[in-house]
Amino acid sequence: MREFTEQEEFWRGRFGDEYVVRNDGPELLASNLALFSDALRHAHSVRSLLEFGTNRGLNLRALHELLPHCRLSGVELNETAHAAAESLGIADVWMGSIFDYDVESTVDLTLAKGVLIHLDPELLPAAYAKLYEASERYILIVEYYNPEPVHVSYRGHENKLFKRDFAGEMLDLYDDLQLVDYGFRYRRDPGFLGTDCTWFLLEKPRRI
């Protein structure tokens, strides 16, 4: 069995448990509904979706409302978060690390929201591979953006949050990916609570 990275241990432990409790409420759900309504407007016929890093399932709850006929699934490392997501009864959530998840079948859309920023930067190519290999058509990335890689202090912790051009790196890594749409959510949005984040909808070529 491999050793977990510093970042994985961080999210598996007490900080990850506290995050589950801290990040809940109708305002966050409403913000997710607004974000995904924009981000998925050009994603057609999405009948199956896999989220890497579901946490307590706030994203899945919003997606269930927007795509009621979509088969939802997820991957979550933290035990407390996994239990909360599973208890919703709307998705099949596998417990474990993104890096240990075996892609056995594909879905119409894979999602990473607020997850890539917390991974060991050296392992990002492996995370990109999971997003790419599990997707039949679309990849949605919702993360903090910076044109150049930087790391910032996160609630007093170092080496736990990294900003970069995640979507751009995937576009460079996979020649057949295309950028379909992108947008920005501002933390001072008067209508919806949230944080500054940029979303990118990527598409793989359709199989004939």
Protein backbone atom coordinates (compact mmCIF):
# COMPACT_ATOMS: atom_id res chain seq x y z
CA MET A 1 0.00 0.00 0.00
CA ARG A 2 1.40 3.39 -0.96
CA GLU A 3 1.98 6.21 1.52
CA PHE A 4 -0.45 9.12 1.38
CA THR A 5 0.94 12.50 0.42
CA GLU A 6 1.17 15.37 2.90
CA GLN A 7 -1.91 16.93 1.34
CA GLU A 8 -3.93 13.71 1.44
CA GLU A 9 -3.15 13.15 5.12
CA PHE A 10 -4.21 16.73 5.82
CA TRP A 11 -7.64 16.22 4.25
CA ARG A 12 -8.12 12.74 5.70
CA GLY A 13 -7.65 14.09 9.23
CA ARG A 14 -9.16 16.62 11.60
CA PHE A 15 -8.93 19.59 9.22
CA GLY A 16 -10.90 17.64 6.63
CA ASP A 17 -13.53 16.72 9.23
CA GLU A 18 -13.86 20.37 10.28
CA TYR A 19 -14.21 21.40 6.64
CA VAL A 20 -17.23 19.09 6.28
CA VAL A 21 -18.99 20.82 9.18
CA ARG A 22 -17.99 24.32 8.10
CA ASN A 23 -19.09 24.05 4.47
CA ASP A 24 -22.82 23.53 4.47
CA GLY A 25 -25.99 25.55 4.20
CA PRO A 26 -28.63 26.78 1.74
CA GLU A 27 -26.53 29.76 0.62
CA LEU A 28 -23.73 27.51 -0.62
CA LEU A 29 -26.22 25.25 -2.36
CA ALA A 30 -27.79 28.23 -4.11
CA SER A 31 -24.33 29.42 -5.20
CA ASN A 32 -23.61 26.00 -6.67
CA LEU A 33 -26.91 25.99 -8.55
CA ALA A 34 -26.06 29.34 -10.12
CA LEU A 35 -22.51 28.27 -11.00
CA PHE A 36 -23.42 24.94 -12.57
CA SER A 37 -26.31 26.51 -14.48
CA ASP A 38 -23.74 28.68 -16.24
CA ALA A 39 -20.96 26.14 -16.53
CA LEU A 40 -23.12 23.39 -18.02
CA ARG A 41 -25.16 25.41 -20.48
CA HIS A 42 -23.07 24.05 -23.39
CA ALA A 43 -22.77 20.50 -22.03
CA HIS A 44 -25.37 18.48 -23.93
CA SER A 45 -27.01 15.18 -23.04
CA VAL A 46 -25.14 14.62 -19.77
CA ARG A 47 -26.60 11.39 -18.41
CA SER A 48 -23.74 10.30 -16.18
CA LEU A 49 -21.27 12.31 -14.08
CA LEU A 50 -18.31 11.55 -11.84
CA GLU A 51 -17.01 14.09 -9.32
CA PHE A 52 -13.50 13.72 -7.96
CA GLY A 53 -13.54 15.08 -4.41
CA THR A 54 -17.23 15.16 -3.50
CA ASN A 55 -16.75 16.25 0.12
CA ARG A 56 -20.18 16.27 1.79
CA GLY A 57 -22.01 16.35 -1.55
CA LEU A 58 -22.98 20.01 -1.97
CA ASN A 59 -22.01 19.92 -5.64
CA LEU A 60 -23.86 16.65 -6.15
CA ARG A 61 -26.99 18.09 -4.55
CA ALA A 62 -26.98 21.02 -6.97
CA LEU A 63 -26.29 18.75 -9.92
CA HIS A 64 -29.11 16.44 -8.87
CA GLU A 65 -31.48 19.40 -9.02
CA LEU A 66 -30.22 20.59 -12.40
CA LEU A 67 -29.82 17.14 -13.97
CA PRO A 68 -32.47 14.99 -12.29
CA HIS A 69 -32.05 12.12 -14.76
CA CYS A 70 -28.25 12.05 -14.54
CA ARG A 71 -26.52 9.13 -12.83
CA LEU A 72 -24.19 10.70 -10.26
CA SER A 73 -21.06 9.20 -8.77
CA GLY A 74 -18.09 10.47 -6.84
CA VAL A 75 -14.74 9.87 -5.18
CA GLU A 76 -13.99 11.13 -1.66
CA LEU A 77 -10.96 10.66 0.59
CA ASN A 78 -12.30 11.88 3.95
CA GLU A 79 -14.40 9.36 5.87
CA THR A 80 -16.72 11.93 7.45
CA ALA A 81 -17.33 13.63 4.13
CA HIS A 82 -17.87 10.31 2.39
CA ALA A 83 -20.52 9.30 4.91
CA ALA A 84 -22.33 12.62 4.49
CA ALA A 85 -22.30 12.36 0.69
CA GLU A 86 -23.49 8.75 0.71
CA SER A 87 -26.30 9.58 3.13
CA LEU A 88 -27.87 11.88 0.52
CA GLY A 89 -28.93 8.84 -1.45
CA ILE A 90 -28.37 10.52 -4.82
CA ALA A 91 -24.94 9.21 -5.81
CA ASP A 92 -22.64 6.24 -5.57
CA VAL A 93 -19.54 7.60 -3.82
CA TRP A 94 -16.32 5.58 -3.71
CA MET A 95 -14.16 6.20 -0.64
CA GLY A 96 -10.48 6.72 -1.30
CA SER A 97 -7.92 8.89 -3.05
CA ILE A 98 -8.26 10.16 -6.59
CA PHE A 99 -4.90 8.54 -7.28
CA ASP A 100 -6.13 5.12 -6.15
CA TYR A 101 -9.40 5.19 -8.08
CA ASP A 102 -9.52 2.66 -10.91
CA VAL A 103 -11.27 3.95 -14.01
CA GLU A 104 -13.28 0.94 -15.10
CA SER A 105 -15.94 2.76 -17.14
CA THR A 106 -16.53 6.24 -18.53
CA VAL A 107 -19.15 8.89 -17.83
CA ASP A 108 -20.44 11.78 -19.90
CA LEU A 109 -18.77 14.38 -17.66
CA THR A 110 -16.04 14.39 -15.04
CA LEU A 111 -15.80 17.19 -12.48
CA ALA A 112 -13.16 18.67 -10.20
CA LYS A 113 -14.27 21.64 -8.11
CA GLY A 114 -11.97 23.00 -5.41
CA VAL A 115 -9.89 19.83 -5.49
CA LEU A 116 -6.93 20.25 -7.83
CA ILE A 117 -5.79 23.29 -5.84
CA HIS A 118 -5.18 21.04 -2.83
CA LEU A 119 -3.18 18.28 -4.54
CA ASP A 120 0.58 17.79 -4.56
CA PRO A 121 1.57 19.70 -7.73
CA GLU A 122 3.93 16.92 -8.77
CA LEU A 123 0.97 14.53 -8.93
CA LEU A 124 -1.29 16.76 -11.02
CA PRO A 125 -0.56 14.84 -14.26
CA ALA A 126 -1.92 11.73 -12.57
CA ALA A 127 -5.06 13.63 -11.51
CA TYR A 128 -5.48 15.02 -15.02
CA ALA A 129 -5.24 11.48 -16.36
CA LYS A 130 -8.10 10.35 -14.10
CA LEU A 131 -10.30 13.24 -15.26
CA TYR A 132 -9.47 12.53 -18.90
CA GLU A 133 -9.70 8.74 -18.86
CA ALA A 134 -13.00 8.63 -16.96
CA SER A 135 -14.68 11.12 -19.31
CA GLU A 136 -16.54 10.06 -22.40
CA ARG A 137 -17.05 13.66 -23.53
CA TYR A 138 -16.85 16.57 -21.08
CA ILE A 139 -14.49 17.69 -18.30
CA LEU A 140 -15.49 20.53 -15.97
CA ILE A 141 -12.77 22.20 -13.87
CA VAL A 142 -13.74 24.77 -11.22
CA GLU A 143 -10.69 26.03 -9.34
CA TYR A 144 -8.72 29.08 -8.26
CA TYR A 145 -6.87 30.37 -11.31
CA ASN A 146 -3.43 31.89 -11.77
CA PRO A 147 -1.50 32.13 -15.05
CA GLU A 148 1.65 30.87 -13.33
CA PRO A 149 1.92 28.24 -10.56
CA VAL A 150 1.92 29.76 -7.07
CA HIS A 151 1.24 28.48 -3.57
CA VAL A 152 -0.56 30.49 -0.90
CA SER A 153 -1.17 30.11 2.83
CA TYR A 154 -4.47 28.36 3.54
CA ARG A 155 -6.04 29.08 6.92
CA GLY A 156 -2.57 29.29 8.44
CA HIS A 157 -1.28 26.13 6.73
CA GLU A 158 1.50 26.02 4.14
CA ASN A 159 1.76 23.73 1.09
CA LYS A 160 -1.97 23.04 1.18
CA LEU A 161 -3.26 25.35 -1.56
CA PHE A 162 -1.82 25.91 -5.02
CA LYS A 163 -3.08 28.08 -7.87
CA ARG A 164 -2.23 27.61 -11.54
CA ASP A 165 -3.81 27.24 -14.98
CA PHE A 166 -5.18 23.73 -14.50
CA ALA A 167 -7.34 23.77 -17.63
CA GLY A 168 -4.51 25.15 -19.74
CA GLU A 169 -2.24 22.37 -18.57
CA MET A 170 -4.82 19.78 -19.56
CA LEU A 171 -5.26 21.39 -22.97
CA ASP A 172 -1.49 21.24 -23.47
CA LEU A 173 -1.30 17.66 -22.24
CA TYR A 174 -4.14 16.27 -24.37
CA ASP A 175 -4.14 17.47 -27.97
CA ASP A 176 -7.69 16.32 -28.66
CA LEU A 177 -9.25 18.40 -25.87
CA GLN A 178 -11.07 21.59 -26.82
CA LEU A 179 -12.17 24.53 -24.71
CA VAL A 180 -15.95 24.88 -24.98
CA ASP A 181 -16.66 27.63 -22.46
CA TYR A 182 -15.31 29.33 -19.35
CA GLY A 183 -16.36 31.84 -16.74
CA PHE A 184 -15.61 33.50 -13.41
CA ARG A 185 -17.49 33.65 -10.12
CA TYR A 186 -16.78 36.64 -7.89
CA ARG A 187 -16.83 36.43 -4.10
CA ARG A 188 -18.71 39.77 -3.91
CA ASP A 189 -21.53 38.62 -6.15
CA PRO A 190 -24.60 40.35 -4.63
CA GLY A 191 -26.84 37.40 -5.34
CA PHE A 192 -24.85 34.29 -4.44
CA LEU A 193 -22.36 33.51 -1.67
CA GLY A 194 -19.10 31.99 -2.83
CA THR A 195 -15.40 32.46 -3.46
CA ASP A 196 -13.42 33.67 -6.45
CA CYS A 197 -13.16 30.77 -8.85
CA THR A 198 -12.83 30.20 -12.55
CA TRP A 199 -14.56 27.38 -14.41
CA PHE A 200 -13.59 25.72 -17.67
CA LEU A 201 -15.66 23.29 -19.71
CA LEU A 202 -13.48 21.05 -21.90
CA GLU A 203 -14.63 18.55 -24.49
CA LYS A 204 -13.16 15.39 -25.97
CA PRO A 205 -13.93 14.46 -29.59
CA ARG A 206 -17.11 12.47 -29.92
CA ARG A 207 -16.74 8.85 -30.87
CA ILE A 208 -18.29 7.86 -34.18
